[in-house]
Structures are given as structure tokens and as C-alpha cells.
């Protein structure tokens, strides 16, 4: 009985030590999460701001584009492949409107959805297109990524109100696509066109929105 009692006591002590260890680890993890939460959030926001800036002309804005936003209608959000609430980000310089940025999602990429940002300047001219997420085939369909290819630059300078056919040349439009990887280009081109349609309906001086 004494041996059994000792074994039970040892097991209980081990269990208590494990419980205490788990409690200490949980407390440490919670403390680390609390200490880094703001840092991670600030980093994510800074990264987002930097990406937004890539589709606007350099020096064309001095406001916080990420914070200066205008709500889009549910119909426009659906057209862009976004879940409401969705917004357009407005650029200003010296308090004057200088451009818009919206996100557009092509659900029909070769390997899944393709997320991108589309920017226009105050004259309604596309200033940049940047794919921010995709799973297209490396070395083939990933040429849609501006970091890997200049392909997306062909959208820059196009006026959103010109009534373009937002299609690749293979489908009768004006935009190039790489042979053997047309699906990716077709999806991005159509998504840019949908963004252009939404942006064309946004007035240069909007009465709503959030200005920092």
C-alpha cells in the first residue's frame, strides 16, 4: 500500500508540475501576443499602404490613402468580386482629389482567385495594376505579377471611360497575353475592366468617405 500511495503521490505531483508548466506557457504566449499585437497590426497597415502607393503616380498624394475610403455599393462590390463592406481608397494632394484605388478579384484564374489593386489618377487614367495574391503556375502564369514581368504595364495610360474591350487579343481585345498562359491574362484583364467600370462611376469629389 505504501508503494501504491507513493506512486499516486508522484503521479499527482507530476500532473501538478505539468499543469503549472502549461499555465506558465499560456501566460507567456498571451503576454507575447499582447506585446506584439499592435506591432503586427502596424506592420500590416504599413505594408498595405506601401502596396496602395505602387498603383498611384509617385508624389501624387500626401494623405493616408488607406484611411481615406469611400464605401462601395453592394452591386459594385459584387462586380469586383469582393464581400461587402467594400471600399475605394481615395488619394489627395494638398486636399485636392488626385486618384482612386480599388481592389478587384478575378475568380477564374488558372489556379484559383487572383487579387489585384487598380489605381487611376484624377483624369481617369489607369496609373497602375498590381497583383497582390495569386496561385498561378510559377514560370508560366505568374507573369501577371509585376515583380516578375512588365506585362501589367500595358494597362497604364488607358482611360477608364474610353469604352475599351477589356479582353486579350486572342478574344478580340487590345491586350497581349503570353502564349500557353492565356487564362491568367484573360482573368486579370477582365478584372481590371470591371474595376475600370466601377471607378468610372466614382465622382472625383465625393461627399462621403473617411478623411484622416
C-alpha atoms as a PDB file:
ATOM      1  CA  UNK A   1       0.000   0.000   0.000  1.00  0.00           C
ATOM      2  CA  UNK A   2       2.844   2.330   0.821  1.00  0.00           C
ATOM      3  CA  UNK A   3       4.365   1.812  -2.646  1.00  0.00           C
ATOM      4  CA  UNK A   4       0.998   2.455  -4.292  1.00  0.00           C
ATOM      5  CA  UNK A   5       0.487   5.565  -2.202  1.00  0.00           C
ATOM      6  CA  UNK A   6       3.929   6.842  -3.170  1.00  0.00           C
ATOM      7  CA  UNK A   7       3.226   6.181  -6.858  1.00  0.00           C
ATOM      8  CA  UNK A   8      -0.063   8.075  -6.640  1.00  0.00           C
ATOM      9  CA  UNK A   9       1.648  10.984  -4.924  1.00  0.00           C
ATOM     10  CA  UNK A  10       4.387  11.096  -7.565  1.00  0.00           C
ATOM     11  CA  UNK A  11       1.813  10.981 -10.358  1.00  0.00           C
ATOM     12  CA  UNK A  12      -0.150  13.756  -8.703  1.00  0.00           C
ATOM     13  CA  UNK A  13       2.986  15.863  -8.294  1.00  0.00           C
ATOM     14  CA  UNK A  14       3.935  15.285 -11.928  1.00  0.00           C
ATOM     15  CA  UNK A  15       0.449  16.272 -13.013  1.00  0.00           C
ATOM     16  CA  UNK A  16       0.610  19.454 -10.964  1.00  0.00           C
ATOM     17  CA  UNK A  17       4.013  20.322 -12.447  1.00  0.00           C
ATOM     18  CA  UNK A  18       2.698  19.753 -15.968  1.00  0.00           C
ATOM     19  CA  UNK A  19      -0.375  21.861 -15.259  1.00  0.00           C
ATOM     20  CA  UNK A  20       1.799  24.631 -13.831  1.00  0.00           C
ATOM     21  CA  UNK A  21       4.134  24.438 -16.825  1.00  0.00           C
ATOM     22  CA  UNK A  22       1.183  24.660 -19.218  1.00  0.00           C
ATOM     23  CA  UNK A  23      -0.231  27.619 -17.283  1.00  0.00           C
ATOM     24  CA  UNK A  24       3.093  29.450 -17.383  1.00  0.00           C
ATOM     25  CA  UNK A  25       3.461  28.775 -21.139  1.00  0.00           C
ATOM     26  CA  UNK A  26      -0.078  30.016 -21.794  1.00  0.00           C
ATOM     27  CA  UNK A  27       0.604  33.162 -19.777  1.00  0.00           C
ATOM     28  CA  UNK A  28       3.848  33.778 -21.676  1.00  0.00           C
ATOM     29  CA  UNK A  29       2.143  33.290 -25.036  1.00  0.00           C
ATOM     30  CA  UNK A  30      -0.653  35.650 -24.040  1.00  0.00           C
ATOM     31  CA  UNK A  31       1.882  38.245 -22.909  1.00  0.00           C
ATOM     32  CA  UNK A  32       3.875  37.964 -26.155  1.00  0.00           C
ATOM     33  CA  UNK A  33       0.691  38.213 -28.226  1.00  0.00           C
ATOM     34  CA  UNK A  34      -0.396  41.313 -26.283  1.00  0.00           C
ATOM     35  CA  UNK A  35       3.036  42.920 -26.699  1.00  0.00           C
ATOM     36  CA  UNK A  36       3.278  42.211 -30.427  1.00  0.00           C
ATOM     37  CA  UNK A  37      -0.373  42.745 -31.442  1.00  0.00           C
ATOM     38  CA  UNK A  38       0.000  46.455 -32.099  1.00  0.00           C
ATOM     39  CA  UNK A  39       3.356  45.956 -33.819  1.00  0.00           C
ATOM     40  CA  UNK A  40       1.954  43.318 -36.152  1.00  0.00           C
ATOM     41  CA  UNK A  41      -1.101  45.445 -36.903  1.00  0.00           C
ATOM     42  CA  UNK A  42       1.077  48.482 -37.622  1.00  0.00           C
ATOM     43  CA  UNK A  43       3.322  46.386 -39.873  1.00  0.00           C
ATOM     44  CA  UNK A  44       0.327  45.028 -41.803  1.00  0.00           C
ATOM     45  CA  UNK A  45      -1.078  48.529 -42.281  1.00  0.00           C
ATOM     46  CA  UNK A  46       2.291  49.902 -43.386  1.00  0.00           C
ATOM     47  CA  UNK A  47       2.616  47.065 -45.887  1.00  0.00           C
ATOM     48  CA  UNK A  48      -0.882  47.765 -47.198  1.00  0.00           C
ATOM     49  CA  UNK A  49      -0.113  51.477 -47.569  1.00  0.00           C
ATOM     50  CA  UNK A  50       3.071  50.684 -49.474  1.00  0.00           C
ATOM     51  CA  UNK A  51       1.158  48.411 -51.847  1.00  0.00           C
ATOM     52  CA  UNK A  52      -1.523  51.046 -52.455  1.00  0.00           C
ATOM     53  CA  UNK A  53       1.202  53.557 -53.278  1.00  0.00           C
ATOM     54  CA  UNK A  54       2.546  51.256 -56.013  1.00  0.00           C
ATOM     55  CA  UNK A  55      -0.539  51.799 -58.188  1.00  0.00           C
ATOM     56  CA  UNK A  56      -0.590  55.596 -57.850  1.00  0.00           C
ATOM     57  CA  UNK A  57       1.784  58.052 -59.536  1.00  0.00           C
ATOM     58  CA  UNK A  58       4.761  58.886 -57.366  1.00  0.00           C
ATOM     59  CA  UNK A  59       4.258  62.124 -55.468  1.00  0.00           C
ATOM     60  CA  UNK A  60       0.579  62.324 -56.409  1.00  0.00           C
ATOM     61  CA  UNK A  61      -0.767  62.143 -52.868  1.00  0.00           C
ATOM     62  CA  UNK A  62       0.068  63.257 -49.346  1.00  0.00           C
ATOM     63  CA  UNK A  63      -2.879  61.819 -47.417  1.00  0.00           C
ATOM     64  CA  UNK A  64      -3.307  58.448 -45.748  1.00  0.00           C
ATOM     65  CA  UNK A  65      -4.855  56.633 -48.715  1.00  0.00           C
ATOM     66  CA  UNK A  66      -5.576  53.565 -46.623  1.00  0.00           C
ATOM     67  CA  UNK A  67      -7.712  55.559 -44.170  1.00  0.00           C
ATOM     68  CA  UNK A  68      -9.400  57.828 -46.722  1.00  0.00           C
ATOM     69  CA  UNK A  69     -12.059  55.470 -48.036  1.00  0.00           C
ATOM     70  CA  UNK A  70     -15.484  55.563 -49.617  1.00  0.00           C
ATOM     71  CA  UNK A  71     -17.999  52.737 -49.269  1.00  0.00           C
ATOM     72  CA  UNK A  72     -18.959  50.937 -52.464  1.00  0.00           C
ATOM     73  CA  UNK A  73     -22.436  49.693 -53.212  1.00  0.00           C
ATOM     74  CA  UNK A  74     -23.176  46.002 -52.843  1.00  0.00           C
ATOM     75  CA  UNK A  75     -23.554  45.794 -56.622  1.00  0.00           C
ATOM     76  CA  UNK A  76     -20.106  47.300 -57.203  1.00  0.00           C
ATOM     77  CA  UNK A  77     -18.572  45.090 -54.506  1.00  0.00           C
ATOM     78  CA  UNK A  78     -20.037  42.040 -56.233  1.00  0.00           C
ATOM     79  CA  UNK A  79     -18.727  43.249 -59.596  1.00  0.00           C
ATOM     80  CA  UNK A  80     -15.248  43.488 -58.094  1.00  0.00           C
ATOM     81  CA  UNK A  81     -15.543  40.046 -56.531  1.00  0.00           C
ATOM     82  CA  UNK A  82     -15.485  41.494 -53.006  1.00  0.00           C
ATOM     83  CA  UNK A  83     -17.617  40.805 -49.986  1.00  0.00           C
ATOM     84  CA  UNK A  84     -19.338  43.870 -48.565  1.00  0.00           C
ATOM     85  CA  UNK A  85     -18.478  46.128 -46.935  1.00  0.00           C
ATOM     86  CA  UNK A  86     -16.029  47.083 -49.686  1.00  0.00           C
ATOM     87  CA  UNK A  87     -14.363  50.441 -50.206  1.00  0.00           C
ATOM     88  CA  UNK A  88     -12.480  52.537 -52.721  1.00  0.00           C
ATOM     89  CA  UNK A  89      -9.413  54.341 -51.391  1.00  0.00           C
ATOM     90  CA  UNK A  90      -9.067  57.990 -52.326  1.00  0.00           C
ATOM     91  CA  UNK A  91      -5.795  59.819 -52.934  1.00  0.00           C
ATOM     92  CA  UNK A  92      -5.418  63.532 -52.290  1.00  0.00           C
ATOM     93  CA  UNK A  93      -2.626  66.054 -52.586  1.00  0.00           C
ATOM     94  CA  UNK A  94      -2.924  69.347 -50.783  1.00  0.00           C
ATOM     95  CA  UNK A  95      -6.506  68.424 -50.007  1.00  0.00           C
ATOM     96  CA  UNK A  96      -7.383  68.030 -53.676  1.00  0.00           C
ATOM     97  CA  UNK A  97      -8.550  64.748 -55.166  1.00  0.00           C
ATOM     98  CA  UNK A  98      -5.799  63.007 -57.134  1.00  0.00           C
ATOM     99  CA  UNK A  99      -6.916  59.421 -57.686  1.00  0.00           C
ATOM    100  CA  UNK A 100      -8.657  56.221 -56.629  1.00  0.00           C
ATOM    101  CA  UNK A 101      -7.507  52.720 -55.748  1.00  0.00           C
ATOM    102  CA  UNK A 102      -9.793  49.689 -55.618  1.00  0.00           C
ATOM    103  CA  UNK A 103      -9.242  46.004 -55.132  1.00  0.00           C
ATOM    104  CA  UNK A 104     -10.531  43.635 -57.804  1.00  0.00           C
ATOM    105  CA  UNK A 105     -10.656  39.849 -57.657  1.00  0.00           C
ATOM    106  CA  UNK A 106     -10.635  37.508 -60.644  1.00  0.00           C
ATOM    107  CA  UNK A 107     -12.192  34.253 -59.512  1.00  0.00           C
ATOM    108  CA  UNK A 108     -11.339  32.500 -62.785  1.00  0.00           C
ATOM    109  CA  UNK A 109      -7.558  32.334 -62.706  1.00  0.00           C
ATOM    110  CA  UNK A 110      -5.954  29.123 -63.903  1.00  0.00           C
ATOM    111  CA  UNK A 111      -5.162  28.022 -60.346  1.00  0.00           C
ATOM    112  CA  UNK A 112      -7.761  29.990 -58.403  1.00  0.00           C
ATOM    113  CA  UNK A 113      -8.626  33.535 -57.454  1.00  0.00           C
ATOM    114  CA  UNK A 114      -6.294  36.406 -58.395  1.00  0.00           C
ATOM    115  CA  UNK A 115      -6.408  39.518 -56.210  1.00  0.00           C
ATOM    116  CA  UNK A 116      -5.168  42.834 -57.530  1.00  0.00           C
ATOM    117  CA  UNK A 117      -5.196  46.568 -56.937  1.00  0.00           C
ATOM    118  CA  UNK A 118      -6.108  49.018 -59.683  1.00  0.00           C
ATOM    119  CA  UNK A 119      -5.288  52.722 -59.442  1.00  0.00           C
ATOM    120  CA  UNK A 120      -6.467  55.671 -61.530  1.00  0.00           C
ATOM    121  CA  UNK A 121      -5.370  59.297 -61.474  1.00  0.00           C
ATOM    122  CA  UNK A 122      -7.574  62.389 -61.293  1.00  0.00           C
ATOM    123  CA  UNK A 123      -8.060  62.311 -65.073  1.00  0.00           C
ATOM    124  CA  UNK A 124      -9.499  58.801 -65.060  1.00  0.00           C
ATOM    125  CA  UNK A 125      -6.339  57.224 -66.492  1.00  0.00           C
ATOM    126  CA  UNK A 126      -5.097  53.931 -65.096  1.00  0.00           C
ATOM    127  CA  UNK A 127      -1.911  54.615 -63.146  1.00  0.00           C
ATOM    128  CA  UNK A 128      -1.105  51.106 -62.001  1.00  0.00           C
ATOM    129  CA  UNK A 129      -2.206  47.487 -61.710  1.00  0.00           C
ATOM    130  CA  UNK A 130      -0.641  45.265 -59.084  1.00  0.00           C
ATOM    131  CA  UNK A 131      -1.429  41.606 -58.479  1.00  0.00           C
ATOM    132  CA  UNK A 132      -1.216  41.076 -54.726  1.00  0.00           C
ATOM    133  CA  UNK A 133      -2.206  37.422 -54.447  1.00  0.00           C
ATOM    134  CA  UNK A 134      -2.311  34.525 -56.893  1.00  0.00           C
ATOM    135  CA  UNK A 135      -1.524  30.824 -57.246  1.00  0.00           C
ATOM    136  CA  UNK A 136      -0.753  30.738 -60.953  1.00  0.00           C
ATOM    137  CA  UNK A 137       1.870  28.303 -62.237  1.00  0.00           C
ATOM    138  CA  UNK A 138       5.413  29.523 -61.463  1.00  0.00           C
ATOM    139  CA  UNK A 139       7.357  30.316 -64.609  1.00  0.00           C
ATOM    140  CA  UNK A 140       4.237  30.289 -66.791  1.00  0.00           C
ATOM    141  CA  UNK A 141       1.136  32.037 -65.486  1.00  0.00           C
ATOM    142  CA  UNK A 142       2.910  34.110 -62.857  1.00  0.00           C
ATOM    143  CA  UNK A 143       3.970  36.693 -65.461  1.00  0.00           C
ATOM    144  CA  UNK A 144       0.881  38.653 -64.363  1.00  0.00           C
ATOM    145  CA  UNK A 145       2.883  39.607 -61.248  1.00  0.00           C
ATOM    146  CA  UNK A 146       4.612  42.981 -61.748  1.00  0.00           C
ATOM    147  CA  UNK A 147       7.534  41.741 -59.674  1.00  0.00           C
ATOM    148  CA  UNK A 148       8.234  39.071 -62.316  1.00  0.00           C
ATOM    149  CA  UNK A 149       7.221  40.683 -65.586  1.00  0.00           C
ATOM    150  CA  UNK A 150       6.332  44.091 -67.088  1.00  0.00           C
ATOM    151  CA  UNK A 151       3.179  42.559 -68.598  1.00  0.00           C
ATOM    152  CA  UNK A 152       0.735  44.539 -66.407  1.00  0.00           C
ATOM    153  CA  UNK A 153       2.250  47.847 -67.526  1.00  0.00           C
ATOM    154  CA  UNK A 154       0.185  47.682 -70.711  1.00  0.00           C
ATOM    155  CA  UNK A 155      -2.840  48.801 -68.668  1.00  0.00           C
ATOM    156  CA  UNK A 156      -1.124  52.003 -67.549  1.00  0.00           C
ATOM    157  CA  UNK A 157      -2.269  55.039 -69.515  1.00  0.00           C
ATOM    158  CA  UNK A 158      -5.593  53.519 -70.546  1.00  0.00           C
ATOM    159  CA  UNK A 159      -8.525  55.814 -69.911  1.00  0.00           C
ATOM    160  CA  UNK A 160     -11.294  54.097 -67.956  1.00  0.00           C
ATOM    161  CA  UNK A 161     -14.040  55.911 -69.877  1.00  0.00           C
ATOM    162  CA  UNK A 162     -12.835  55.001 -73.375  1.00  0.00           C
ATOM    163  CA  UNK A 163     -15.194  52.032 -73.747  1.00  0.00           C
ATOM    164  CA  UNK A 164     -12.353  49.576 -74.270  1.00  0.00           C
ATOM    165  CA  UNK A 165     -12.893  45.871 -74.751  1.00  0.00           C
ATOM    166  CA  UNK A 166     -11.172  44.601 -71.639  1.00  0.00           C
ATOM    167  CA  UNK A 167     -10.035  41.422 -73.317  1.00  0.00           C
ATOM    168  CA  UNK A 168      -6.807  39.886 -74.551  1.00  0.00           C
ATOM    169  CA  UNK A 169      -6.029  39.939 -78.272  1.00  0.00           C
ATOM    170  CA  UNK A 170      -6.973  36.299 -78.616  1.00  0.00           C
ATOM    171  CA  UNK A 171     -10.529  37.293 -77.651  1.00  0.00           C
ATOM    172  CA  UNK A 172     -10.626  40.423 -79.795  1.00  0.00           C
ATOM    173  CA  UNK A 173      -9.317  42.942 -77.273  1.00  0.00           C
ATOM    174  CA  UNK A 174      -6.157  45.096 -77.337  1.00  0.00           C
ATOM    175  CA  UNK A 175      -4.152  43.402 -74.578  1.00  0.00           C
ATOM    176  CA  UNK A 176      -1.255  40.998 -75.013  1.00  0.00           C
ATOM    177  CA  UNK A 177      -1.041  37.589 -73.361  1.00  0.00           C
ATOM    178  CA  UNK A 178       1.728  35.025 -73.198  1.00  0.00           C
ATOM    179  CA  UNK A 179       1.205  32.037 -75.479  1.00  0.00           C
ATOM    180  CA  UNK A 180       0.269  28.987 -73.470  1.00  0.00           C
ATOM    181  CA  UNK A 181      -0.809  31.021 -70.442  1.00  0.00           C
ATOM    182  CA  UNK A 182      -3.767  32.979 -71.740  1.00  0.00           C
ATOM    183  CA  UNK A 183      -6.128  32.042 -68.912  1.00  0.00           C
ATOM    184  CA  UNK A 184      -4.212  34.078 -66.337  1.00  0.00           C
ATOM    185  CA  UNK A 185      -4.024  37.157 -68.568  1.00  0.00           C
ATOM    186  CA  UNK A 186      -7.662  36.818 -69.573  1.00  0.00           C
ATOM    187  CA  UNK A 187      -8.762  36.729 -65.931  1.00  0.00           C
ATOM    188  CA  UNK A 188      -6.663  39.744 -64.908  1.00  0.00           C
ATOM    189  CA  UNK A 189      -7.669  41.804 -67.940  1.00  0.00           C
ATOM    190  CA  UNK A 190     -11.375  41.244 -67.309  1.00  0.00           C
ATOM    191  CA  UNK A 191     -10.938  42.080 -63.611  1.00  0.00           C
ATOM    192  CA  UNK A 192      -9.147  45.317 -64.494  1.00  0.00           C
ATOM    193  CA  UNK A 193     -12.033  46.128 -66.825  1.00  0.00           C
ATOM    194  CA  UNK A 194     -14.564  45.575 -64.044  1.00  0.00           C
ATOM    195  CA  UNK A 195     -12.532  47.836 -61.784  1.00  0.00           C
ATOM    196  CA  UNK A 196     -12.470  50.462 -64.534  1.00  0.00           C
ATOM    197  CA  UNK A 197     -16.266  50.312 -64.778  1.00  0.00           C
ATOM    198  CA  UNK A 198     -16.627  50.837 -61.027  1.00  0.00           C
ATOM    199  CA  UNK A 199     -14.031  53.609 -60.927  1.00  0.00           C
ATOM    200  CA  UNK A 200     -15.677  55.423 -63.828  1.00  0.00           C
ATOM    201  CA  UNK A 201     -18.817  55.789 -61.707  1.00  0.00           C
ATOM    202  CA  UNK A 202     -16.990  57.341 -58.752  1.00  0.00           C
ATOM    203  CA  UNK A 203     -17.040  61.146 -58.822  1.00  0.00           C
ATOM    204  CA  UNK A 204     -13.756  62.995 -58.413  1.00  0.00           C
ATOM    205  CA  UNK A 205     -15.148  64.984 -55.493  1.00  0.00           C
ATOM    206  CA  UNK A 206     -17.114  62.585 -53.336  1.00  0.00           C
ATOM    207  CA  UNK A 207     -19.144  63.975 -50.453  1.00  0.00           C
ATOM    208  CA  UNK A 208     -18.699  60.863 -48.328  1.00  0.00           C
ATOM    209  CA  UNK A 209     -15.759  58.906 -47.065  1.00  0.00           C
ATOM    210  CA  UNK A 210     -13.337  58.957 -44.173  1.00  0.00           C
ATOM    211  CA  UNK A 211     -10.636  61.580 -44.195  1.00  0.00           C
ATOM    212  CA  UNK A 212      -7.845  61.298 -41.626  1.00  0.00           C
END
